[in-house]
Amino acid sequence: MDPLSLFGLFAILFMLLCYLMEERSPWWTLGFAFGCLLSSTYGFLQGAWPFGWVELLWTGIAVRRWWLALAKRRREGRGTEPVA
């Protein structure tokens, strides 16, 4: 497996892990956004431009979801500390 494929595998697995953990804390949602950004980078480097653009779009959606989740936690008075 070449380095680019390993990078893509890591990006997708990281994104999946963060997606599965999102309910625990908004910080996992931010991690998911970062995973989407890594996947987008992989798509562009591989030459799969549509995949790269779609993952970039998901990055923006995830960042917005993270921001809204933080605002909701602040309104509820739960703070912003990560949950272990």
C-alpha atoms as a PDB file:
ATOM      1  CA  MET A   1       0.000   0.000   0.000  1.00  0.00           C
ATOM      2  CA  ASP A   2       1.480   3.342  -1.026  1.00  0.00           C
ATOM      3  CA  PRO A   3       1.686   6.373   1.333  1.00  0.00           C
ATOM      4  CA  LEU A   4      -1.253   8.146  -0.307  1.00  0.00           C
ATOM      5  CA  SER A   5      -3.517   5.127   0.197  1.00  0.00           C
ATOM      6  CA  LEU A   6      -2.401   4.866   3.834  1.00  0.00           C
ATOM      7  CA  PHE A   7      -3.207   8.547   4.314  1.00  0.00           C
ATOM      8  CA  GLY A   8      -6.658   8.006   2.805  1.00  0.00           C
ATOM      9  CA  LEU A   9      -7.282   4.977   5.005  1.00  0.00           C
ATOM     10  CA  PHE A  10      -6.264   6.933   8.115  1.00  0.00           C
ATOM     11  CA  ALA A  11      -8.446   9.893   7.119  1.00  0.00           C
ATOM     12  CA  ILE A  12     -11.549   7.753   6.594  1.00  0.00           C
ATOM     13  CA  LEU A  13     -11.037   5.703   9.767  1.00  0.00           C
ATOM     14  CA  PHE A  14     -10.453   8.855  11.830  1.00  0.00           C
ATOM     15  CA  MET A  15     -13.567  10.448  10.354  1.00  0.00           C
ATOM     16  CA  LEU A  16     -15.604   7.312  11.119  1.00  0.00           C
ATOM     17  CA  LEU A  17     -14.355   7.157  14.726  1.00  0.00           C
ATOM     18  CA  CYS A  18     -15.270  10.797  15.316  1.00  0.00           C
ATOM     19  CA  TYR A  19     -18.675  10.311  13.715  1.00  0.00           C
ATOM     20  CA  LEU A  20     -19.400   7.377  16.017  1.00  0.00           C
ATOM     21  CA  MET A  21     -18.400   9.409  19.099  1.00  0.00           C
ATOM     22  CA  GLU A  22     -20.247  12.643  18.200  1.00  0.00           C
ATOM     23  CA  GLU A  23     -22.993  12.179  20.789  1.00  0.00           C
ATOM     24  CA  ARG A  24     -20.456  12.327  23.627  1.00  0.00           C
ATOM     25  CA  SER A  25     -19.183  15.852  23.034  1.00  0.00           C
ATOM     26  CA  PRO A  26     -19.184  18.663  20.467  1.00  0.00           C
ATOM     27  CA  TRP A  27     -15.416  18.219  20.284  1.00  0.00           C
ATOM     28  CA  TRP A  28     -15.928  14.916  18.486  1.00  0.00           C
ATOM     29  CA  THR A  29     -17.941  16.844  15.915  1.00  0.00           C
ATOM     30  CA  LEU A  30     -14.971  19.151  15.429  1.00  0.00           C
ATOM     31  CA  GLY A  31     -12.805  16.052  15.050  1.00  0.00           C
ATOM     32  CA  PHE A  32     -15.244  14.799  12.429  1.00  0.00           C
ATOM     33  CA  ALA A  33     -14.836  18.112  10.572  1.00  0.00           C
ATOM     34  CA  PHE A  34     -11.069  17.658  10.653  1.00  0.00           C
ATOM     35  CA  GLY A  35     -11.487  14.099   9.369  1.00  0.00           C
ATOM     36  CA  CYS A  36     -13.628  15.418   6.511  1.00  0.00           C
ATOM     37  CA  LEU A  37     -10.899  17.928   5.707  1.00  0.00           C
ATOM     38  CA  LEU A  38      -8.311  15.129   5.659  1.00  0.00           C
ATOM     39  CA  SER A  39     -10.575  13.070   3.395  1.00  0.00           C
ATOM     40  CA  SER A  40     -11.041  16.052   1.113  1.00  0.00           C
ATOM     41  CA  THR A  41      -7.292  16.484   0.887  1.00  0.00           C
ATOM     42  CA  TYR A  42      -6.949  12.820   0.026  1.00  0.00           C
ATOM     43  CA  GLY A  43      -9.582  13.122  -2.691  1.00  0.00           C
ATOM     44  CA  PHE A  44      -7.835  16.079  -4.302  1.00  0.00           C
ATOM     45  CA  LEU A  45      -4.385  14.435  -4.072  1.00  0.00           C
ATOM     46  CA  GLN A  46      -5.746  11.226  -5.578  1.00  0.00           C
ATOM     47  CA  GLY A  47      -7.384  13.107  -8.423  1.00  0.00           C
ATOM     48  CA  ALA A  48     -10.965  12.371  -7.367  1.00  0.00           C
ATOM     49  CA  TRP A  49     -12.114  15.991  -7.559  1.00  0.00           C
ATOM     50  CA  PRO A  50     -15.837  15.355  -6.933  1.00  0.00           C
ATOM     51  CA  PHE A  51     -14.982  13.410  -3.761  1.00  0.00           C
ATOM     52  CA  GLY A  52     -12.665  16.210  -2.650  1.00  0.00           C
ATOM     53  CA  TRP A  53     -15.338  18.875  -3.125  1.00  0.00           C
ATOM     54  CA  VAL A  54     -18.057  16.858  -1.385  1.00  0.00           C
ATOM     55  CA  GLU A  55     -15.809  16.203   1.610  1.00  0.00           C
ATOM     56  CA  LEU A  56     -14.926  19.893   1.714  1.00  0.00           C
ATOM     57  CA  LEU A  57     -18.641  20.666   1.832  1.00  0.00           C
ATOM     58  CA  TRP A  58     -19.067  18.166   4.684  1.00  0.00           C
ATOM     59  CA  THR A  59     -16.212  19.918   6.511  1.00  0.00           C
ATOM     60  CA  GLY A  60     -18.202  23.153   6.472  1.00  0.00           C
ATOM     61  CA  ILE A  61     -21.382  21.400   7.580  1.00  0.00           C
ATOM     62  CA  ALA A  62     -19.579  19.694  10.471  1.00  0.00           C
ATOM     63  CA  VAL A  63     -17.937  22.942  11.621  1.00  0.00           C
ATOM     64  CA  ARG A  64     -21.350  24.587  11.663  1.00  0.00           C
ATOM     65  CA  ARG A  65     -22.821  21.660  13.648  1.00  0.00           C
ATOM     66  CA  TRP A  66     -19.921  21.924  16.117  1.00  0.00           C
ATOM     67  CA  TRP A  67     -20.502  25.662  16.543  1.00  0.00           C
ATOM     68  CA  LEU A  68     -24.237  25.189  17.116  1.00  0.00           C
ATOM     69  CA  ALA A  69     -23.631  22.339  19.583  1.00  0.00           C
ATOM     70  CA  LEU A  70     -21.243  24.543  21.589  1.00  0.00           C
ATOM     71  CA  ALA A  71     -23.793  27.347  21.662  1.00  0.00           C
ATOM     72  CA  LYS A  72     -26.467  24.912  22.850  1.00  0.00           C
ATOM     73  CA  ARG A  73     -24.231  23.625  25.658  1.00  0.00           C
ATOM     74  CA  ARG A  74     -23.503  27.182  26.767  1.00  0.00           C
ATOM     75  CA  ARG A  75     -27.217  28.020  26.845  1.00  0.00           C
ATOM     76  CA  GLU A  76     -27.866  24.920  28.922  1.00  0.00           C
ATOM     77  CA  GLY A  77     -25.031  25.859  31.274  1.00  0.00           C
ATOM     78  CA  ARG A  78     -23.147  22.618  30.743  1.00  0.00           C
ATOM     79  CA  GLY A  79     -19.847  24.256  29.783  1.00  0.00           C
ATOM     80  CA  THR A  80     -17.608  23.277  26.920  1.00  0.00           C
ATOM     81  CA  GLU A  81     -15.220  20.832  28.550  1.00  0.00           C
ATOM     82  CA  PRO A  82     -14.747  17.551  26.699  1.00  0.00           C
ATOM     83  CA  VAL A  83     -16.505  14.515  28.123  1.00  0.00           C
ATOM     84  CA  ALA A  84     -14.231  11.549  28.806  1.00  0.00           C
END
